[in-house]
Amino acid sequence: MGTFLAVSGSIRQGSYNAELAHYMVRRAKEKGWDAEYVDLADYDMPLFNEDLEQARKPECALELAKKFAQADAIFLATPEYNGSITPLLKNTIDWLTRQGQGAFSHAIFGIGSVSSGALAGVMALSHMRDILSKLSALMAPTPLGIGMGATAFDEDGEIADPRVKARADKLVDELTSIKRG
């Protein structure tokens, strides 16, 4: 099949977006894909600064860029911080683009956001789509916004609302069937 990565832009304990990323990994595995959750807490990168590129380029940025470049599908989930994606996710993207590995030129990308409110991270999704399009990332057509994060998942980590679950499963179908030419 292929290689599927899921990343959460939040590393807080009990993150709804990490829960969504884990959900997507399970669904990709059910489709026969080699799927992995990538925990950004394992990739300690300083705040991006061009002055650091030569002197203190983090090895983990190169490692993660290679992982992205080899993946066939990548799902990025982010909470909405002040109407945008998290600083952690933006910093990660900035470092990955500077590694010369083509981190955004091979995989099909899917995006999602779980928020504690009813608006489901729509502004973060819009910003993430804009950022990724500037990197020539090929995007799956279905964005996945989930509101009311505290009740979005059941005790087994399944999406509680059947309509939202159907949308998430549709996105997994897109990520595992669309091929980059």
Protein backbone atom coordinates (compact mmCIF):
# COMPACT_ATOMS: atom_id res chain seq x y z
CA MET A 1 0.00 0.00 0.00
CA GLY A 2 1.92 3.03 1.26
CA THR A 3 3.31 5.02 4.16
CA PHE A 4 0.96 7.24 6.15
CA LEU A 5 2.04 9.77 8.79
CA ALA A 6 -0.20 11.67 11.17
CA VAL A 7 1.06 14.69 13.10
CA SER A 8 -0.57 16.83 15.76
CA GLY A 9 0.39 20.47 16.13
CA SER A 10 -0.27 20.12 19.84
CA ILE A 11 1.90 18.17 22.27
CA ARG A 12 -0.16 18.88 25.39
CA GLN A 13 -1.39 15.95 27.45
CA GLY A 14 -4.93 15.01 26.38
CA SER A 15 -4.74 16.93 23.10
CA TYR A 16 -7.89 16.52 21.01
CA ASN A 17 -5.80 16.95 17.87
CA ALA A 18 -3.42 14.17 18.90
CA GLU A 19 -6.50 12.02 19.47
CA LEU A 20 -7.68 12.84 15.93
CA ALA A 21 -4.24 12.03 14.50
CA HIS A 22 -4.27 8.65 16.29
CA TYR A 23 -7.76 8.00 14.90
CA MET A 24 -6.50 8.66 11.37
CA VAL A 25 -3.54 6.29 11.92
CA ARG A 26 -5.92 3.50 13.00
CA ARG A 27 -8.09 4.02 9.92
CA ALA A 28 -5.08 4.01 7.58
CA LYS A 29 -3.82 0.78 9.17
CA GLU A 30 -7.25 -0.78 8.60
CA LYS A 31 -6.75 -0.01 4.90
CA GLY A 32 -3.44 -1.90 4.95
CA TRP A 33 -1.14 1.12 5.10
CA ASP A 34 2.04 1.38 7.13
CA ALA A 35 0.77 4.18 9.39
CA GLU A 36 2.57 6.04 12.16
CA TYR A 37 1.79 8.83 14.61
CA VAL A 38 4.63 11.36 14.66
CA ASP A 39 4.92 13.05 18.06
CA LEU A 40 6.48 16.49 17.64
CA ALA A 41 7.64 16.32 21.27
CA ASP A 42 10.28 13.90 19.94
CA TYR A 43 11.62 16.58 17.55
CA ASP A 44 13.01 19.39 19.65
CA MET A 45 13.64 22.27 17.27
CA PRO A 46 14.54 25.80 18.34
CA LEU A 47 12.53 28.72 17.06
CA PHE A 48 13.45 28.98 13.39
CA ASN A 49 16.11 31.59 12.67
CA GLU A 50 18.22 31.65 9.51
CA ASP A 51 21.29 32.37 11.64
CA LEU A 52 20.90 28.87 13.14
CA GLU A 53 20.90 27.08 9.81
CA GLN A 54 24.66 26.74 9.63
CA ALA A 55 25.65 26.84 13.28
CA ARG A 56 22.91 24.88 15.07
CA LYS A 57 20.74 23.16 12.48
CA PRO A 58 18.78 20.57 14.48
CA GLU A 59 19.50 17.02 13.30
CA CYS A 60 15.91 16.08 14.14
CA ALA A 61 14.67 18.53 11.47
CA LEU A 62 16.61 16.63 8.82
CA GLU A 63 15.34 13.31 10.19
CA LEU A 64 11.71 14.49 10.11
CA ALA A 65 12.11 16.07 6.66
CA LYS A 66 13.34 12.73 5.30
CA LYS A 67 10.37 10.98 6.92
CA PHE A 68 7.98 13.45 5.28
CA ALA A 69 9.73 13.12 1.91
CA GLN A 70 9.33 9.33 1.99
CA ALA A 71 5.67 9.29 3.08
CA ASP A 72 2.85 8.77 0.61
CA ALA A 73 0.20 10.47 2.76
CA ILE A 74 0.48 12.91 5.66
CA PHE A 75 -2.31 14.10 7.91
CA LEU A 76 -1.71 17.31 9.88
CA ALA A 77 -4.01 18.19 12.78
CA THR A 78 -3.82 21.49 14.64
CA PRO A 79 -5.77 23.33 17.26
CA GLU A 80 -6.59 26.93 16.45
CA TYR A 81 -4.41 29.46 18.25
CA ASN A 82 -5.51 33.07 17.77
CA GLY A 83 -7.11 32.24 14.44
CA SER A 84 -4.19 30.26 13.02
CA ILE A 85 -2.13 27.09 13.40
CA THR A 86 0.01 26.49 16.46
CA PRO A 87 3.50 27.99 16.71
CA LEU A 88 4.83 24.44 17.14
CA LEU A 89 3.44 23.30 13.80
CA LYS A 90 4.50 26.47 11.97
CA ASN A 91 8.03 26.21 13.37
CA THR A 92 8.20 22.55 12.34
CA ILE A 93 7.06 23.39 8.80
CA ASP A 94 9.61 26.21 8.59
CA TRP A 95 12.47 23.92 9.64
CA LEU A 96 11.37 21.12 7.30
CA THR A 97 11.34 23.41 4.27
CA ARG A 98 15.00 24.29 4.87
CA GLN A 99 16.33 20.72 4.84
CA GLY A 100 16.53 20.20 1.06
CA GLN A 101 14.63 16.93 1.23
CA GLY A 102 11.42 17.84 -0.60
CA ALA A 103 9.39 17.27 2.56
CA PHE A 104 6.22 18.64 0.93
CA SER A 105 6.66 17.46 -2.66
CA HIS A 106 5.84 13.73 -2.50
CA ALA A 107 2.94 13.02 -0.14
CA ILE A 108 -0.74 13.82 -0.38
CA PHE A 109 -1.63 16.06 2.58
CA GLY A 110 -4.81 16.08 4.62
CA ILE A 111 -5.66 18.65 7.25
CA GLY A 112 -7.82 18.62 10.35
CA SER A 113 -8.57 20.65 13.43
CA VAL A 114 -10.36 19.88 16.66
CA SER A 115 -11.37 22.88 18.72
CA SER A 116 -13.05 23.27 22.07
CA GLY A 117 -15.65 25.58 20.52
CA ALA A 118 -18.29 25.12 17.88
CA LEU A 119 -16.35 26.68 14.98
CA ALA A 120 -14.14 23.60 14.57
CA GLY A 121 -10.88 25.40 13.86
CA VAL A 122 -12.02 26.76 10.50
CA MET A 123 -9.54 29.65 10.55
CA ALA A 124 -6.64 27.34 11.40
CA LEU A 125 -7.67 25.03 8.55
CA SER A 126 -7.77 27.96 6.16
CA HIS A 127 -4.31 29.11 7.22
CA MET A 128 -2.88 25.61 7.05
CA ARG A 129 -4.24 25.14 3.52
CA ASP A 130 -2.72 28.49 2.53
CA ILE A 131 0.69 27.63 4.01
CA LEU A 132 0.82 24.18 2.42
CA SER A 133 -0.26 25.50 -0.97
CA LYS A 134 2.71 27.90 -0.92
CA LEU A 135 4.94 24.84 -0.49
CA SER A 136 3.36 23.07 -3.49
CA ALA A 137 1.89 20.39 -1.25
CA LEU A 138 -0.86 18.40 -2.95
CA MET A 139 -3.94 18.57 -0.73
CA ALA A 140 -6.78 16.11 -0.35
CA PRO A 141 -10.02 18.02 -1.00
CA THR A 142 -11.77 17.32 2.32
CA PRO A 143 -10.73 19.45 5.30
CA LEU A 144 -11.80 18.02 8.65
CA GLY A 145 -13.03 20.45 11.28
CA ILE A 146 -14.37 19.06 14.54
CA GLY A 147 -15.96 21.29 17.16
CA MET A 148 -16.72 20.72 20.81
CA GLY A 149 -13.54 18.72 21.36
CA ALA A 150 -14.37 17.64 24.91
CA THR A 151 -17.18 15.42 23.59
CA ALA A 152 -15.87 14.70 20.07
CA PHE A 153 -14.39 11.28 20.93
CA ASP A 154 -15.77 8.36 22.90
CA GLU A 155 -13.81 6.38 25.51
CA ASP A 156 -12.34 4.18 22.75
CA GLY A 157 -10.98 7.16 20.79
CA GLU A 158 -13.66 6.85 18.12
CA ILE A 159 -15.31 9.96 16.71
CA ALA A 160 -18.65 10.27 18.50
CA ASP A 161 -20.72 12.06 15.83
CA PRO A 162 -21.50 9.69 12.93
CA ARG A 163 -21.53 12.54 10.39
CA VAL A 164 -18.09 13.76 11.49
CA LYS A 165 -16.81 10.16 11.54
CA ALA A 166 -18.02 9.71 7.95
CA ARG A 167 -16.16 12.88 6.93
CA ALA A 168 -12.97 11.69 8.66
CA ASP A 169 -13.24 8.32 6.95
CA LYS A 170 -13.78 10.07 3.61
CA LEU A 171 -10.55 12.00 4.17
CA VAL A 172 -8.68 8.77 4.94
CA ASP A 173 -10.09 7.32 1.69
CA GLU A 174 -8.81 10.36 -0.20
CA LEU A 175 -5.37 10.21 1.43
CA THR A 176 -4.99 6.51 0.64
CA SER A 177 -6.28 6.66 -2.94
CA ILE A 178 -5.03 9.93 -4.47
CA LYS A 179 -1.63 9.54 -6.08
CA ARG A 180 0.74 12.32 -6.95
CA GLY A 181 1.66 12.21 -10.65
